[in-house]
Amino acid sequence: MPIEKEQIKTVKWVKDLIDTSKNQYMILTDKNDKKFSVPLDEANTDYQTIQEWVADGNTIEEAD
């Protein structure tokens, strides 16, 4: 079941382990503190929801 934009608490980048200049995927944390791995795939519905969330003025956190 796709995540709804209103349920997003935070989104954070995860770096590629081999090429640390690139992001590999995102970790989405919802309002219930559940974590979801989201691939960098424009066809993925959670990825699309994150893009809408960002367009609303939210920011994806940088990787550690």
PDB file of N, CA and C in Angstrom:
ATOM      1  N   MET A   1       0.845  -1.177   0.000  1.00  0.00           N
ATOM      2  CA  MET A   1       0.000   0.000   0.000  1.00  0.00           C
ATOM      3  C   MET A   1       0.891   1.240   0.000  1.00  0.00           C
ATOM      4  N   PRO A   2       0.702   2.124  -0.953  1.00  0.00           N
ATOM      5  CA  PRO A   2       1.547   3.327  -1.041  1.00  0.00           C
ATOM      6  C   PRO A   2       1.355   4.242   0.165  1.00  0.00           C
ATOM      7  N   ILE A   3       2.421   4.924   0.511  1.00  0.00           N
ATOM      8  CA  ILE A   3       2.388   5.892   1.615  1.00  0.00           C
ATOM      9  C   ILE A   3       1.656   7.153   1.137  1.00  0.00           C
ATOM     10  N   GLU A   4       0.929   7.776   2.022  1.00  0.00           N
ATOM     11  CA  GLU A   4       0.281   9.053   1.705  1.00  0.00           C
ATOM     12  C   GLU A   4       1.185  10.192   2.157  1.00  0.00           C
ATOM     13  N   LYS A   5       1.169  11.258   1.396  1.00  0.00           N
ATOM     14  CA  LYS A   5       2.040  12.413   1.657  1.00  0.00           C
ATOM     15  C   LYS A   5       1.894  12.938   3.082  1.00  0.00           C
ATOM     16  N   GLU A   6       0.673  12.928   3.599  1.00  0.00           N
ATOM     17  CA  GLU A   6       0.403  13.455   4.936  1.00  0.00           C
ATOM     18  C   GLU A   6       1.011  12.578   6.039  1.00  0.00           C
ATOM     19  N   GLN A   7       1.359  11.343   5.699  1.00  0.00           N
ATOM     20  CA  GLN A   7       1.919  10.424   6.688  1.00  0.00           C
ATOM     21  C   GLN A   7       3.445  10.496   6.794  1.00  0.00           C
ATOM     22  N   ILE A   8       4.084  11.267   5.912  1.00  0.00           N
ATOM     23  CA  ILE A   8       5.550  11.359   5.917  1.00  0.00           C
ATOM     24  C   ILE A   8       6.013  12.248   7.060  1.00  0.00           C
ATOM     25  N   LYS A   9       6.925  11.707   7.867  1.00  0.00           N
ATOM     26  CA  LYS A   9       7.549  12.465   8.950  1.00  0.00           C
ATOM     27  C   LYS A   9       8.899  13.005   8.477  1.00  0.00           C
ATOM     28  N   THR A  10       9.765  12.116   7.981  1.00  0.00           N
ATOM     29  CA  THR A  10      11.061  12.522   7.450  1.00  0.00           C
ATOM     30  C   THR A  10      11.450  11.608   6.295  1.00  0.00           C
ATOM     31  N   VAL A  11      12.362  12.128   5.467  1.00  0.00           N
ATOM     32  CA  VAL A  11      12.970  11.337   4.406  1.00  0.00           C
ATOM     33  C   VAL A  11      14.458  11.653   4.442  1.00  0.00           C
ATOM     34  N   LYS A  12      15.278  10.604   4.323  1.00  0.00           N
ATOM     35  CA  LYS A  12      16.725  10.782   4.400  1.00  0.00           C
ATOM     36  C   LYS A  12      17.410  10.003   3.277  1.00  0.00           C
ATOM     37  N   TRP A  13      18.413  10.627   2.668  1.00  0.00           N
ATOM     38  CA  TRP A  13      19.204   9.965   1.639  1.00  0.00           C
ATOM     39  C   TRP A  13      20.088   8.890   2.261  1.00  0.00           C
ATOM     40  N   VAL A  14      20.359   7.856   1.499  1.00  0.00           N
ATOM     41  CA  VAL A  14      21.351   6.838   1.870  1.00  0.00           C
ATOM     42  C   VAL A  14      22.347   6.785   0.719  1.00  0.00           C
ATOM     43  N   LYS A  15      23.629   6.956   1.044  1.00  0.00           N
ATOM     44  CA  LYS A  15      24.681   6.995   0.031  1.00  0.00           C
ATOM     45  C   LYS A  15      25.015   5.599  -0.487  1.00  0.00           C
ATOM     46  N   ASP A  16      25.465   5.562  -1.735  1.00  0.00           N
ATOM     47  CA  ASP A  16      25.989   4.348  -2.334  1.00  0.00           C
ATOM     48  C   ASP A  16      27.294   4.006  -1.611  1.00  0.00           C
ATOM     49  N   LEU A  17      27.500   2.757  -1.251  1.00  0.00           N
ATOM     50  CA  LEU A  17      28.694   2.364  -0.510  1.00  0.00           C
ATOM     51  C   LEU A  17      29.947   2.394  -1.375  1.00  0.00           C
ATOM     52  N   ILE A  18      29.809   2.194  -2.674  1.00  0.00           N
ATOM     53  CA  ILE A  18      30.968   2.194  -3.561  1.00  0.00           C
ATOM     54  C   ILE A  18      31.277   3.594  -4.063  1.00  0.00           C
ATOM     55  N   ASP A  19      30.289   4.304  -4.522  1.00  0.00           N
ATOM     56  CA  ASP A  19      30.465   5.672  -5.017  1.00  0.00           C
ATOM     57  C   ASP A  19      29.702   6.615  -4.096  1.00  0.00           C
ATOM     58  N   THR A  20      30.368   7.088  -3.073  1.00  0.00           N
ATOM     59  CA  THR A  20      29.709   7.902  -2.048  1.00  0.00           C
ATOM     60  C   THR A  20      29.286   9.288  -2.539  1.00  0.00           C
ATOM     61  N   SER A  21      29.601   9.607  -3.789  1.00  0.00           N
ATOM     62  CA  SER A  21      29.122  10.884  -4.335  1.00  0.00           C
ATOM     63  C   SER A  21      27.674  10.749  -4.831  1.00  0.00           C
ATOM     64  N   LYS A  22      27.161   9.514  -4.843  1.00  0.00           N
ATOM     65  CA  LYS A  22      25.804   9.265  -5.323  1.00  0.00           C
ATOM     66  C   LYS A  22      24.903   8.762  -4.203  1.00  0.00           C
ATOM     67  N   ASN A  23      23.629   9.095  -4.310  1.00  0.00           N
ATOM     68  CA  ASN A  23      22.631   8.548  -3.397  1.00  0.00           C
ATOM     69  C   ASN A  23      22.115   7.240  -3.976  1.00  0.00           C
ATOM     70  N   GLN A  24      21.936   6.246  -3.114  1.00  0.00           N
ATOM     71  CA  GLN A  24      21.492   4.934  -3.575  1.00  0.00           C
ATOM     72  C   GLN A  24      19.982   4.751  -3.440  1.00  0.00           C
ATOM     73  N   TYR A  25      19.423   5.231  -2.327  1.00  0.00           N
ATOM     74  CA  TYR A  25      17.993   5.141  -2.082  1.00  0.00           C
ATOM     75  C   TYR A  25      17.633   6.089  -0.959  1.00  0.00           C
ATOM     76  N   MET A  26      16.356   6.105  -0.540  1.00  0.00           N
ATOM     77  CA  MET A  26      15.908   6.963   0.552  1.00  0.00           C
ATOM     78  C   MET A  26      15.273   6.106   1.637  1.00  0.00           C
ATOM     79  N   ILE A  27      15.359   6.600   2.868  1.00  0.00           N
ATOM     80  CA  ILE A  27      14.638   5.996   3.987  1.00  0.00           C
ATOM     81  C   ILE A  27      13.538   6.977   4.375  1.00  0.00           C
ATOM     82  N   LEU A  28      12.307   6.511   4.272  1.00  0.00           N
ATOM     83  CA  LEU A  28      11.144   7.314   4.643  1.00  0.00           C
ATOM     84  C   LEU A  28      10.693   6.851   6.025  1.00  0.00           C
ATOM     85  N   THR A  29      10.487   7.800   6.931  1.00  0.00           N
ATOM     86  CA  THR A  29       9.930   7.503   8.247  1.00  0.00           C
ATOM     87  C   THR A  29       8.547   8.130   8.305  1.00  0.00           C
ATOM     88  N   ASP A  30       7.551   7.300   8.664  1.00  0.00           N
ATOM     89  CA  ASP A  30       6.190   7.832   8.722  1.00  0.00           C
ATOM     90  C   ASP A  30       5.871   8.355  10.120  1.00  0.00           C
ATOM     91  N   LYS A  31       4.691   8.884  10.283  1.00  0.00           N
ATOM     92  CA  LYS A  31       4.284   9.497  11.559  1.00  0.00           C
ATOM     93  C   LYS A  31       4.203   8.490  12.705  1.00  0.00           C
ATOM     94  N   ASN A  32       4.173   7.182  12.379  1.00  0.00           N
ATOM     95  CA  ASN A  32       4.177   6.127  13.397  1.00  0.00           C
ATOM     96  C   ASN A  32       5.589   5.597  13.635  1.00  0.00           C
ATOM     97  N   ASP A  33       6.590   6.278  13.086  1.00  0.00           N
ATOM     98  CA  ASP A  33       8.005   5.918  13.182  1.00  0.00           C
ATOM     99  C   ASP A  33       8.364   4.603  12.495  1.00  0.00           C
ATOM    100  N   LYS A  34       7.540   4.163  11.547  1.00  0.00           N
ATOM    101  CA  LYS A  34       7.893   3.017  10.708  1.00  0.00           C
ATOM    102  C   LYS A  34       8.804   3.516   9.602  1.00  0.00           C
ATOM    103  N   LYS A  35       9.810   2.715   9.264  1.00  0.00           N
ATOM    104  CA  LYS A  35      10.775   3.099   8.234  1.00  0.00           C
ATOM    105  C   LYS A  35      10.571   2.256   6.982  1.00  0.00           C
ATOM    106  N   PHE A  36      10.714   2.916   5.826  1.00  0.00           N
ATOM    107  CA  PHE A  36      10.543   2.274   4.537  1.00  0.00           C
ATOM    108  C   PHE A  36      11.714   2.652   3.634  1.00  0.00           C
ATOM    109  N   SER A  37      12.256   1.681   2.936  1.00  0.00           N
ATOM    110  CA  SER A  37      13.279   1.925   1.938  1.00  0.00           C
ATOM    111  C   SER A  37      12.578   2.264   0.627  1.00  0.00           C
ATOM    112  N   VAL A  38      12.990   3.371   0.016  1.00  0.00           N
ATOM    113  CA  VAL A  38      12.352   3.807  -1.228  1.00  0.00           C
ATOM    114  C   VAL A  38      13.434   3.920  -2.307  1.00  0.00           C
ATOM    115  N   PRO A  39      13.292   3.149  -3.396  1.00  0.00           N
ATOM    116  CA  PRO A  39      14.292   3.213  -4.467  1.00  0.00           C
ATOM    117  C   PRO A  39      14.187   4.516  -5.250  1.00  0.00           C
ATOM    118  N   LEU A  40      15.285   4.873  -5.906  1.00  0.00           N
ATOM    119  CA  LEU A  40      15.296   6.062  -6.759  1.00  0.00           C
ATOM    120  C   LEU A  40      14.752   5.661  -8.126  1.00  0.00           C
ATOM    121  N   ASP A  41      13.456   5.471  -8.182  1.00  0.00           N
ATOM    122  CA  ASP A  41      12.776   4.977  -9.371  1.00  0.00           C
ATOM    123  C   ASP A  41      11.509   5.801  -9.581  1.00  0.00           C
ATOM    124  N   GLU A  42      11.491   6.576 -10.657  1.00  0.00           N
ATOM    125  CA  GLU A  42      10.354   7.457 -10.915  1.00  0.00           C
ATOM    126  C   GLU A  42       9.036   6.711 -11.075  1.00  0.00           C
ATOM    127  N   ALA A  43       9.077   5.418 -11.365  1.00  0.00           N
ATOM    128  CA  ALA A  43       7.853   4.631 -11.503  1.00  0.00           C
ATOM    129  C   ALA A  43       7.318   4.165 -10.144  1.00  0.00           C
ATOM    130  N   ASN A  44       8.128   4.279  -9.091  1.00  0.00           N
ATOM    131  CA  ASN A  44       7.732   3.846  -7.751  1.00  0.00           C
ATOM    132  C   ASN A  44       6.773   4.874  -7.152  1.00  0.00           C
ATOM    133  N   THR A  45       5.610   4.410  -6.677  1.00  0.00           N
ATOM    134  CA  THR A  45       4.608   5.344  -6.155  1.00  0.00           C
ATOM    135  C   THR A  45       5.068   6.067  -4.893  1.00  0.00           C
ATOM    136  N   ASP A  46       5.852   5.414  -4.039  1.00  0.00           N
ATOM    137  CA  ASP A  46       6.363   6.106  -2.848  1.00  0.00           C
ATOM    138  C   ASP A  46       7.380   7.179  -3.246  1.00  0.00           C
ATOM    139  N   TYR A  47       8.193   6.904  -4.247  1.00  0.00           N
ATOM    140  CA  TYR A  47       9.128   7.901  -4.769  1.00  0.00           C
ATOM    141  C   TYR A  47       8.344   9.117  -5.284  1.00  0.00           C
ATOM    142  N   GLN A  48       7.270   8.864  -6.030  1.00  0.00           N
ATOM    143  CA  GLN A  48       6.443   9.954  -6.554  1.00  0.00           C
ATOM    144  C   GLN A  48       5.835  10.778  -5.426  1.00  0.00           C
ATOM    145  N   THR A  49       5.391  10.109  -4.358  1.00  0.00           N
ATOM    146  CA  THR A  49       4.813  10.810  -3.204  1.00  0.00           C
ATOM    147  C   THR A  49       5.861  11.681  -2.525  1.00  0.00           C
ATOM    148  N   ILE A  50       7.076  11.169  -2.413  1.00  0.00           N
ATOM    149  CA  ILE A  50       8.157  11.964  -1.816  1.00  0.00           C
ATOM    150  C   ILE A  50       8.417  13.206  -2.661  1.00  0.00           C
ATOM    151  N   GLN A  51       8.389  13.081  -3.987  1.00  0.00           N
ATOM    152  CA  GLN A  51       8.605  14.239  -4.853  1.00  0.00           C
ATOM    153  C   GLN A  51       7.510  15.293  -4.645  1.00  0.00           C
ATOM    154  N   GLU A  52       6.281  14.864  -4.449  1.00  0.00           N
ATOM    155  CA  GLU A  52       5.189  15.799  -4.148  1.00  0.00           C
ATOM    156  C   GLU A  52       5.417  16.459  -2.787  1.00  0.00           C
ATOM    157  N   TRP A  53       5.862  15.676  -1.807  1.00  0.00           N
ATOM    158  CA  TRP A  53       6.154  16.165  -0.457  1.00  0.00           C
ATOM    159  C   TRP A  53       7.237  17.244  -0.513  1.00  0.00           C
ATOM    160  N   VAL A  54       8.274  17.006  -1.325  1.00  0.00           N
ATOM    161  CA  VAL A  54       9.348  17.994  -1.498  1.00  0.00           C
ATOM    162  C   VAL A  54       8.805  19.247  -2.198  1.00  0.00           C
ATOM    163  N   ALA A  55       7.967  19.060  -3.189  1.00  0.00           N
ATOM    164  CA  ALA A  55       7.378  20.206  -3.898  1.00  0.00           C
ATOM    165  C   ALA A  55       6.532  21.079  -2.975  1.00  0.00           C
ATOM    166  N   ASP A  56       6.033  20.488  -1.898  1.00  0.00           N
ATOM    167  CA  ASP A  56       5.262  21.237  -0.902  1.00  0.00           C
ATOM    168  C   ASP A  56       6.159  22.007   0.067  1.00  0.00           C
ATOM    169  N   GLY A  57       7.489  21.939  -0.130  1.00  0.00           N
ATOM    170  CA  GLY A  57       8.397  22.721   0.697  1.00  0.00           C
ATOM    171  C   GLY A  57       9.190  21.915   1.717  1.00  0.00           C
ATOM    172  N   ASN A  58       9.056  20.604   1.710  1.00  0.00           N
ATOM    173  CA  ASN A  58       9.801  19.764   2.649  1.00  0.00           C
ATOM    174  C   ASN A  58      11.173  19.426   2.064  1.00  0.00           C
ATOM    175  N   THR A  59      12.079  18.974   2.913  1.00  0.00           N
ATOM    176  CA  THR A  59      13.453  18.717   2.509  1.00  0.00           C
ATOM    177  C   THR A  59      13.868  17.297   2.868  1.00  0.00           C
ATOM    178  N   ILE A  60      14.561  16.651   1.931  1.00  0.00           N
ATOM    179  CA  ILE A  60      15.140  15.337   2.200  1.00  0.00           C
ATOM    180  C   ILE A  60      16.448  15.577   2.938  1.00  0.00           C
ATOM    181  N   GLU A  61      16.614  14.903   4.077  1.00  0.00           N
ATOM    182  CA  GLU A  61      17.823  15.055   4.893  1.00  0.00           C
ATOM    183  C   GLU A  61      19.015  14.433   4.192  1.00  0.00           C
ATOM    184  N   GLU A  62      20.181  15.051   4.372  1.00  0.00           N
ATOM    185  CA  GLU A  62      21.410  14.511   3.810  1.00  0.00           C
ATOM    186  C   GLU A  62      21.829  13.251   4.544  1.00  0.00           C
ATOM    187  N   ALA A  63      22.551  12.380   3.850  1.00  0.00           N
ATOM    188  CA  ALA A  63      23.066  11.153   4.451  1.00  0.00           C
ATOM    189  C   ALA A  63      24.138  11.481   5.491  1.00  0.00           C
ATOM    190  N   ASP A  64      24.325  10.593   6.433  1.00  0.00           N
ATOM    191  CA  ASP A  64      25.377  10.773   7.455  1.00  0.00           C
ATOM    192  C   ASP A  64      26.751  10.597   6.862  1.00  0.00           C
TER     193      ASP A  64
END
